[in-house]
Amino acid sequence: MDWVRKRQIAPNILWQNSHLSKLIKIRAVFVNSSSILPVATKLPLFLQRFSHHLPLHSRTMKKIIVVLSCLFAVFSLAAQNKTLPAANVKTPEGQTIAVKDLAPEGQLTVFSFWATWCKPCIAELDAIKDLYPEWKEKYGVEFVAVSVDDARTLARVKTFATNKAWEYTIVTDASKEFQTAMNVSNPPLTVLVNEKGEIIFEHLGYTSGNEIELEEKIKEAAKK
């Protein structure tokens, strides 16, 4: 009978190890991501449903599922109140400036990650160009365009922005310090920071009309 019991237990142990490994990998993705908060908040429900497919005698695995569900909930809640990282960027002239100095307490700030070679980025910044003076007057929001151009195209940034007649604060991040801290892989990424320095809205990519959604978020933040 012992050998029969071992045959029954061994596959279950392998199954547990395999799925535990997958869950840990999923957790790593959610903890390190900065742009999937709505999904993260639903993950505990997913894990609860997932646990129903476990063998009835897999009590240890079910306990692990419960613990991970709690961890996901905590990380999701913490991520919703995340603040700007302690990173530095540079002006087009090469002067170093702290990111947090660009979004001082009491000010609404938009950060837009862009590049001279990124067509969606340019389309977004052009679309906001005519709206920005009104936003600034009505909501007191400041707009910071963060160039992610590397050393090959960095020299083009200042002239490019000048020719576009953008009134934004232009900074560069050729060292990728700010990008890395914000998990920016591909621009455009738009981030809204409230008056407490908390990141309250993020939008990846651009399609026509996204600037209207951004204004709504700014308006909501300005009322609080």
C-alpha atoms as a PDB file:
ATOM      1  CA  MET A   1       0.000   0.000   0.000  1.00  0.00           C
ATOM      2  CA  ASP A   2       2.909   2.369   0.674  1.00  0.00           C
ATOM      3  CA  TRP A   3       4.053   2.288  -2.935  1.00  0.00           C
ATOM      4  CA  VAL A   4       0.508   3.069  -4.093  1.00  0.00           C
ATOM      5  CA  ARG A   5       0.346   6.046  -1.716  1.00  0.00           C
ATOM      6  CA  LYS A   6       3.705   7.335  -2.993  1.00  0.00           C
ATOM      7  CA  ARG A   7       2.480   7.165  -6.584  1.00  0.00           C
ATOM      8  CA  GLN A   8      -0.546   9.239  -5.601  1.00  0.00           C
ATOM      9  CA  ILE A   9       1.443  11.858  -3.685  1.00  0.00           C
ATOM     10  CA  ALA A  10       4.383  12.334  -6.082  1.00  0.00           C
ATOM     11  CA  PRO A  11       2.360  13.749  -9.036  1.00  0.00           C
ATOM     12  CA  ASN A  12       0.559  16.077  -6.620  1.00  0.00           C
ATOM     13  CA  ILE A  13       3.876  17.450  -5.284  1.00  0.00           C
ATOM     14  CA  LEU A  14       5.117  18.042  -8.825  1.00  0.00           C
ATOM     15  CA  TRP A  15       1.837  19.777  -9.681  1.00  0.00           C
ATOM     16  CA  GLN A  16       2.124  22.020  -6.621  1.00  0.00           C
ATOM     17  CA  ASN A  17       5.735  22.968  -7.334  1.00  0.00           C
ATOM     18  CA  SER A  18       4.965  23.751 -10.943  1.00  0.00           C
ATOM     19  CA  HIS A  19       1.997  26.004 -10.173  1.00  0.00           C
ATOM     20  CA  LEU A  20       3.675  27.651  -7.186  1.00  0.00           C
ATOM     21  CA  SER A  21       6.553  28.611  -9.470  1.00  0.00           C
ATOM     22  CA  LYS A  22       4.096  30.149 -11.942  1.00  0.00           C
ATOM     23  CA  LEU A  23       2.325  32.103  -9.197  1.00  0.00           C
ATOM     24  CA  ILE A  24       5.611  33.487  -7.889  1.00  0.00           C
ATOM     25  CA  LYS A  25       6.517  34.635 -11.403  1.00  0.00           C
ATOM     26  CA  ILE A  26       3.117  36.313 -11.769  1.00  0.00           C
ATOM     27  CA  ARG A  27       3.646  38.056  -8.429  1.00  0.00           C
ATOM     28  CA  ALA A  28       7.015  39.407  -9.613  1.00  0.00           C
ATOM     29  CA  VAL A  29       5.421  40.881 -12.718  1.00  0.00           C
ATOM     30  CA  PHE A  30       2.683  42.616 -10.756  1.00  0.00           C
ATOM     31  CA  VAL A  31       5.006  43.982  -8.072  1.00  0.00           C
ATOM     32  CA  ASN A  32       7.419  45.454 -10.645  1.00  0.00           C
ATOM     33  CA  SER A  33       4.792  46.855 -12.996  1.00  0.00           C
ATOM     34  CA  SER A  34       3.569  50.408 -12.790  1.00  0.00           C
ATOM     35  CA  SER A  35       0.856  50.390 -15.400  1.00  0.00           C
ATOM     36  CA  ILE A  36      -1.533  47.517 -14.642  1.00  0.00           C
ATOM     37  CA  LEU A  37      -3.177  48.502 -11.367  1.00  0.00           C
ATOM     38  CA  PRO A  38      -6.758  47.644 -12.463  1.00  0.00           C
ATOM     39  CA  VAL A  39      -5.637  44.074 -13.253  1.00  0.00           C
ATOM     40  CA  ALA A  40      -3.684  43.725 -10.029  1.00  0.00           C
ATOM     41  CA  THR A  41      -6.685  44.638  -7.911  1.00  0.00           C
ATOM     42  CA  LYS A  42      -8.664  41.771  -9.486  1.00  0.00           C
ATOM     43  CA  LEU A  43      -5.956  39.154  -8.970  1.00  0.00           C
ATOM     44  CA  PRO A  44      -7.091  37.928  -5.542  1.00  0.00           C
ATOM     45  CA  LEU A  45     -10.459  36.956  -7.074  1.00  0.00           C
ATOM     46  CA  PHE A  46      -8.619  35.120  -9.845  1.00  0.00           C
ATOM     47  CA  LEU A  47      -6.567  33.175  -7.305  1.00  0.00           C
ATOM     48  CA  GLN A  48      -9.675  32.210  -5.352  1.00  0.00           C
ATOM     49  CA  ARG A  49     -11.259  30.801  -8.491  1.00  0.00           C
ATOM     50  CA  PHE A  50      -8.000  29.102  -9.413  1.00  0.00           C
ATOM     51  CA  SER A  51      -7.884  27.302  -6.039  1.00  0.00           C
ATOM     52  CA  HIS A  52     -11.114  25.420  -6.851  1.00  0.00           C
ATOM     53  CA  HIS A  53      -9.204  23.435  -9.489  1.00  0.00           C
ATOM     54  CA  LEU A  54      -6.727  22.125  -6.930  1.00  0.00           C
ATOM     55  CA  PRO A  55      -7.042  18.526  -5.682  1.00  0.00           C
ATOM     56  CA  LEU A  56      -9.240  18.423  -2.578  1.00  0.00           C
ATOM     57  CA  HIS A  57      -6.370  17.091  -0.445  1.00  0.00           C
ATOM     58  CA  SER A  58      -3.965  19.898  -1.500  1.00  0.00           C
ATOM     59  CA  ARG A  59      -4.493  21.867   1.703  1.00  0.00           C
ATOM     60  CA  THR A  60      -0.937  23.218   1.757  1.00  0.00           C
ATOM     61  CA  MET A  61      -1.265  24.629  -1.746  1.00  0.00           C
ATOM     62  CA  LYS A  62      -4.602  26.224  -0.877  1.00  0.00           C
ATOM     63  CA  LYS A  63      -3.012  27.938   2.129  1.00  0.00           C
ATOM     64  CA  ILE A  64      -0.273  29.286  -0.146  1.00  0.00           C
ATOM     65  CA  ILE A  65      -2.942  30.605  -2.523  1.00  0.00           C
ATOM     66  CA  VAL A  66      -4.630  32.476   0.347  1.00  0.00           C
ATOM     67  CA  VAL A  67      -1.334  34.002   1.485  1.00  0.00           C
ATOM     68  CA  LEU A  68      -0.444  35.115  -2.046  1.00  0.00           C
ATOM     69  CA  SER A  69      -3.922  36.629  -2.436  1.00  0.00           C
ATOM     70  CA  CYS A  70      -3.306  38.766   0.636  1.00  0.00           C
ATOM     71  CA  LEU A  71       0.116  39.780  -0.655  1.00  0.00           C
ATOM     72  CA  PHE A  72      -1.333  40.851  -4.000  1.00  0.00           C
ATOM     73  CA  ALA A  73      -3.979  42.932  -2.258  1.00  0.00           C
ATOM     74  CA  VAL A  74      -1.347  44.683  -0.145  1.00  0.00           C
ATOM     75  CA  PHE A  75       0.937  45.389  -3.107  1.00  0.00           C
ATOM     76  CA  SER A  76      -1.980  46.690  -5.184  1.00  0.00           C
ATOM     77  CA  LEU A  77      -3.079  49.042  -2.420  1.00  0.00           C
ATOM     78  CA  ALA A  78       0.465  50.327  -1.939  1.00  0.00           C
ATOM     79  CA  ALA A  79       0.953  50.833  -5.682  1.00  0.00           C
ATOM     80  CA  GLN A  80      -2.143  53.026  -5.875  1.00  0.00           C
ATOM     81  CA  ASN A  81      -0.404  55.573  -3.618  1.00  0.00           C
ATOM     82  CA  LYS A  82       3.039  55.405  -5.208  1.00  0.00           C
ATOM     83  CA  THR A  83       5.077  58.553  -5.542  1.00  0.00           C
ATOM     84  CA  LEU A  84       7.691  59.778  -7.983  1.00  0.00           C
ATOM     85  CA  PRO A  85      11.040  58.009  -7.772  1.00  0.00           C
ATOM     86  CA  ALA A  86      14.191  59.701  -6.528  1.00  0.00           C
ATOM     87  CA  ALA A  87      15.670  60.137 -10.006  1.00  0.00           C
ATOM     88  CA  ASN A  88      17.459  62.888 -11.895  1.00  0.00           C
ATOM     89  CA  VAL A  89      17.031  64.252 -15.426  1.00  0.00           C
ATOM     90  CA  LYS A  90      18.789  66.995 -17.351  1.00  0.00           C
ATOM     91  CA  THR A  91      17.810  70.191 -19.087  1.00  0.00           C
ATOM     92  CA  PRO A  92      18.653  70.435 -22.817  1.00  0.00           C
ATOM     93  CA  GLU A  93      21.646  72.530 -21.730  1.00  0.00           C
ATOM     94  CA  GLY A  94      22.946  69.666 -19.563  1.00  0.00           C
ATOM     95  CA  GLN A  95      21.985  70.901 -16.094  1.00  0.00           C
ATOM     96  CA  THR A  96      20.986  68.123 -13.675  1.00  0.00           C
ATOM     97  CA  ILE A  97      17.640  68.481 -11.932  1.00  0.00           C
ATOM     98  CA  ALA A  98      15.760  66.194  -9.532  1.00  0.00           C
ATOM     99  CA  VAL A  99      12.478  64.830 -10.843  1.00  0.00           C
ATOM    100  CA  LYS A 100      10.720  65.711  -7.587  1.00  0.00           C
ATOM    101  CA  ASP A 101      11.749  69.346  -8.050  1.00  0.00           C
ATOM    102  CA  LEU A 102       9.721  69.367 -11.260  1.00  0.00           C
ATOM    103  CA  ALA A 103       6.591  68.341  -9.330  1.00  0.00           C
ATOM    104  CA  PRO A 104       6.683  70.295  -6.065  1.00  0.00           C
ATOM    105  CA  GLU A 105       4.025  69.819  -3.401  1.00  0.00           C
ATOM    106  CA  GLY A 106       0.860  71.769  -4.136  1.00  0.00           C
ATOM    107  CA  GLN A 107       1.212  71.513  -7.916  1.00  0.00           C
ATOM    108  CA  LEU A 108      -0.434  69.211 -10.457  1.00  0.00           C
ATOM    109  CA  THR A 109       2.167  67.904 -12.892  1.00  0.00           C
ATOM    110  CA  VAL A 110       2.008  65.875 -16.088  1.00  0.00           C
ATOM    111  CA  PHE A 111       5.072  63.942 -17.229  1.00  0.00           C
ATOM    112  CA  SER A 112       5.081  62.803 -20.834  1.00  0.00           C
ATOM    113  CA  PHE A 113       7.831  60.421 -21.943  1.00  0.00           C
ATOM    114  CA  TRP A 114       8.605  61.000 -25.624  1.00  0.00           C
ATOM    115  CA  ALA A 115      11.346  60.845 -28.264  1.00  0.00           C
ATOM    116  CA  THR A 116      12.165  62.697 -31.472  1.00  0.00           C
ATOM    117  CA  TRP A 117      11.771  59.432 -33.409  1.00  0.00           C
ATOM    118  CA  CYS A 118       8.430  58.483 -31.819  1.00  0.00           C
ATOM    119  CA  LYS A 119       5.502  59.476 -34.056  1.00  0.00           C
ATOM    120  CA  PRO A 120       2.726  58.747 -31.509  1.00  0.00           C
ATOM    121  CA  CYS A 121       4.643  60.826 -28.936  1.00  0.00           C
ATOM    122  CA  ILE A 122       4.869  63.786 -31.291  1.00  0.00           C
ATOM    123  CA  ALA A 123       1.202  63.446 -32.256  1.00  0.00           C
ATOM    124  CA  GLU A 124       0.202  63.531 -28.574  1.00  0.00           C
ATOM    125  CA  LEU A 125       2.368  66.538 -27.731  1.00  0.00           C
ATOM    126  CA  ASP A 126       1.068  68.381 -30.809  1.00  0.00           C
ATOM    127  CA  ALA A 127      -2.522  67.604 -29.791  1.00  0.00           C
ATOM    128  CA  ILE A 128      -1.982  68.959 -26.273  1.00  0.00           C
ATOM    129  CA  LYS A 129      -0.043  72.000 -27.503  1.00  0.00           C
ATOM    130  CA  ASP A 130      -3.116  74.184 -28.117  1.00  0.00           C
ATOM    131  CA  LEU A 131      -4.904  72.924 -24.995  1.00  0.00           C
ATOM    132  CA  TYR A 132      -2.063  73.405 -22.567  1.00  0.00           C
ATOM    133  CA  PRO A 133      -2.327  77.203 -22.046  1.00  0.00           C
ATOM    134  CA  GLU A 134      -5.968  76.766 -20.994  1.00  0.00           C
ATOM    135  CA  TRP A 135      -5.119  73.792 -18.756  1.00  0.00           C
ATOM    136  CA  LYS A 136      -2.406  75.793 -17.079  1.00  0.00           C
ATOM    137  CA  GLU A 137      -4.750  78.706 -16.414  1.00  0.00           C
ATOM    138  CA  LYS A 138      -7.745  76.647 -15.258  1.00  0.00           C
ATOM    139  CA  TYR A 139      -6.035  73.890 -13.282  1.00  0.00           C
ATOM    140  CA  GLY A 140      -2.561  75.240 -12.546  1.00  0.00           C
ATOM    141  CA  VAL A 141      -1.013  72.144 -14.108  1.00  0.00           C
ATOM    142  CA  GLU A 142       2.574  72.019 -15.309  1.00  0.00           C
ATOM    143  CA  PHE A 143       3.566  69.820 -18.249  1.00  0.00           C
ATOM    144  CA  VAL A 144       7.004  68.212 -18.401  1.00  0.00           C
ATOM    145  CA  ALA A 145       8.086  66.497 -21.631  1.00  0.00           C
ATOM    146  CA  VAL A 146      10.760  63.928 -20.806  1.00  0.00           C
ATOM    147  CA  SER A 147      12.851  62.998 -23.829  1.00  0.00           C
ATOM    148  CA  VAL A 148      14.072  59.402 -23.832  1.00  0.00           C
ATOM    149  CA  ASP A 149      16.398  59.996 -26.807  1.00  0.00           C
ATOM    150  CA  ASP A 150      19.762  58.310 -26.348  1.00  0.00           C
ATOM    151  CA  ALA A 151      23.196  59.712 -27.183  1.00  0.00           C
ATOM    152  CA  ARG A 152      22.628  59.241 -30.928  1.00  0.00           C
ATOM    153  CA  THR A 153      19.663  61.618 -31.152  1.00  0.00           C
ATOM    154  CA  LEU A 154      19.966  63.613 -27.925  1.00  0.00           C
ATOM    155  CA  ALA A 155      21.430  66.666 -29.695  1.00  0.00           C
ATOM    156  CA  ARG A 156      18.222  67.014 -31.730  1.00  0.00           C
ATOM    157  CA  VAL A 157      15.888  67.424 -28.754  1.00  0.00           C
ATOM    158  CA  LYS A 158      16.221  71.164 -28.064  1.00  0.00           C
ATOM    159  CA  THR A 159      15.948  72.233 -31.714  1.00  0.00           C
ATOM    160  CA  PHE A 160      13.106  69.805 -32.322  1.00  0.00           C
ATOM    161  CA  ALA A 161      11.056  71.166 -29.404  1.00  0.00           C
ATOM    162  CA  THR A 162      11.812  74.771 -30.382  1.00  0.00           C
ATOM    163  CA  ASN A 163      10.667  74.191 -33.965  1.00  0.00           C
ATOM    164  CA  LYS A 164       7.457  72.668 -32.643  1.00  0.00           C
ATOM    165  CA  ALA A 165       6.882  75.763 -30.484  1.00  0.00           C
ATOM    166  CA  TRP A 166       6.006  73.559 -27.520  1.00  0.00           C
ATOM    167  CA  GLU A 167       5.612  75.501 -24.278  1.00  0.00           C
ATOM    168  CA  TYR A 168       6.322  72.485 -22.116  1.00  0.00           C
ATOM    169  CA  THR A 169       9.249  72.123 -19.751  1.00  0.00           C
ATOM    170  CA  ILE A 170      11.673  69.990 -21.755  1.00  0.00           C
ATOM    171  CA  VAL A 171      14.069  67.632 -19.976  1.00  0.00           C
ATOM    172  CA  THR A 172      16.154  64.681 -21.139  1.00  0.00           C
ATOM    173  CA  ASP A 173      16.809  61.238 -19.687  1.00  0.00           C
ATOM    174  CA  ALA A 174      19.582  59.805 -21.853  1.00  0.00           C
ATOM    175  CA  SER A 175      20.941  57.929 -18.820  1.00  0.00           C
ATOM    176  CA  LYS A 176      17.542  56.169 -18.531  1.00  0.00           C
ATOM    177  CA  GLU A 177      17.497  56.773 -14.768  1.00  0.00           C
ATOM    178  CA  PHE A 178      13.930  58.115 -14.702  1.00  0.00           C
ATOM    179  CA  GLN A 179      12.725  55.681 -17.376  1.00  0.00           C
ATOM    180  CA  THR A 180      14.039  52.667 -15.495  1.00  0.00           C
ATOM    181  CA  ALA A 181      12.525  53.826 -12.210  1.00  0.00           C
ATOM    182  CA  MET A 182       9.153  54.233 -13.944  1.00  0.00           C
ATOM    183  CA  ASN A 183       9.403  50.973 -15.928  1.00  0.00           C
ATOM    184  CA  VAL A 184       9.131  52.802 -19.256  1.00  0.00           C
ATOM    185  CA  SER A 185       9.952  50.407 -22.091  1.00  0.00           C
ATOM    186  CA  ASN A 186       8.367  52.214 -25.021  1.00  0.00           C
ATOM    187  CA  PRO A 187       7.059  55.781 -25.230  1.00  0.00           C
ATOM    188  CA  PRO A 188       4.718  57.519 -25.141  1.00  0.00           C
ATOM    189  CA  LEU A 189       3.829  57.195 -21.489  1.00  0.00           C
ATOM    190  CA  THR A 190       1.819  59.946 -19.805  1.00  0.00           C
ATOM    191  CA  VAL A 191       1.783  60.269 -16.014  1.00  0.00           C
ATOM    192  CA  LEU A 192      -0.303  62.603 -13.843  1.00  0.00           C
ATOM    193  CA  VAL A 193       1.012  63.536 -10.388  1.00  0.00           C
ATOM    194  CA  ASN A 194      -1.307  65.150  -7.850  1.00  0.00           C
ATOM    195  CA  GLU A 195      -0.553  67.975  -5.417  1.00  0.00           C
ATOM    196  CA  LYS A 196       0.715  65.483  -2.831  1.00  0.00           C
ATOM    197  CA  GLY A 197       3.284  64.075  -5.228  1.00  0.00           C
ATOM    198  CA  GLU A 198       1.320  60.841  -5.798  1.00  0.00           C
ATOM    199  CA  ILE A 199       1.000  59.239  -9.221  1.00  0.00           C
ATOM    200  CA  ILE A 200      -2.754  59.047  -9.803  1.00  0.00           C
ATOM    201  CA  PHE A 201      -3.005  58.311 -13.519  1.00  0.00           C
ATOM    202  CA  GLU A 202      -0.879  56.641 -16.197  1.00  0.00           C
ATOM    203  CA  HIS A 203      -1.568  56.123 -19.869  1.00  0.00           C
ATOM    204  CA  LEU A 204       0.585  54.137 -22.283  1.00  0.00           C
ATOM    205  CA  GLY A 205       0.505  54.875 -26.030  1.00  0.00           C
ATOM    206  CA  TYR A 206      -1.562  57.463 -27.836  1.00  0.00           C
ATOM    207  CA  THR A 207      -4.684  57.587 -29.974  1.00  0.00           C
ATOM    208  CA  SER A 208      -6.614  60.694 -30.922  1.00  0.00           C
ATOM    209  CA  GLY A 209      -8.839  61.737 -28.050  1.00  0.00           C
ATOM    210  CA  ASN A 210      -6.564  60.575 -25.235  1.00  0.00           C
ATOM    211  CA  GLU A 211      -5.882  64.226 -24.434  1.00  0.00           C
ATOM    212  CA  ILE A 212      -9.570  64.636 -23.526  1.00  0.00           C
ATOM    213  CA  GLU A 213      -9.318  61.778 -21.039  1.00  0.00           C
ATOM    214  CA  LEU A 214      -6.179  63.368 -19.602  1.00  0.00           C
ATOM    215  CA  GLU A 215      -7.966  66.677 -19.114  1.00  0.00           C
ATOM    216  CA  GLU A 216     -10.780  64.906 -17.270  1.00  0.00           C
ATOM    217  CA  LYS A 217      -8.249  63.347 -14.909  1.00  0.00           C
ATOM    218  CA  ILE A 218      -6.586  66.725 -14.374  1.00  0.00           C
ATOM    219  CA  LYS A 219      -9.968  68.322 -13.706  1.00  0.00           C
ATOM    220  CA  GLU A 220     -10.848  65.657 -11.131  1.00  0.00           C
ATOM    221  CA  ALA A 221      -7.506  66.097  -9.369  1.00  0.00           C
ATOM    222  CA  ALA A 222      -7.840  69.894  -9.330  1.00  0.00           C
ATOM    223  CA  LYS A 223     -11.168  69.621  -7.461  1.00  0.00           C
ATOM    224  CA  LYS A 224      -9.721  67.591  -4.593  1.00  0.00           C
END
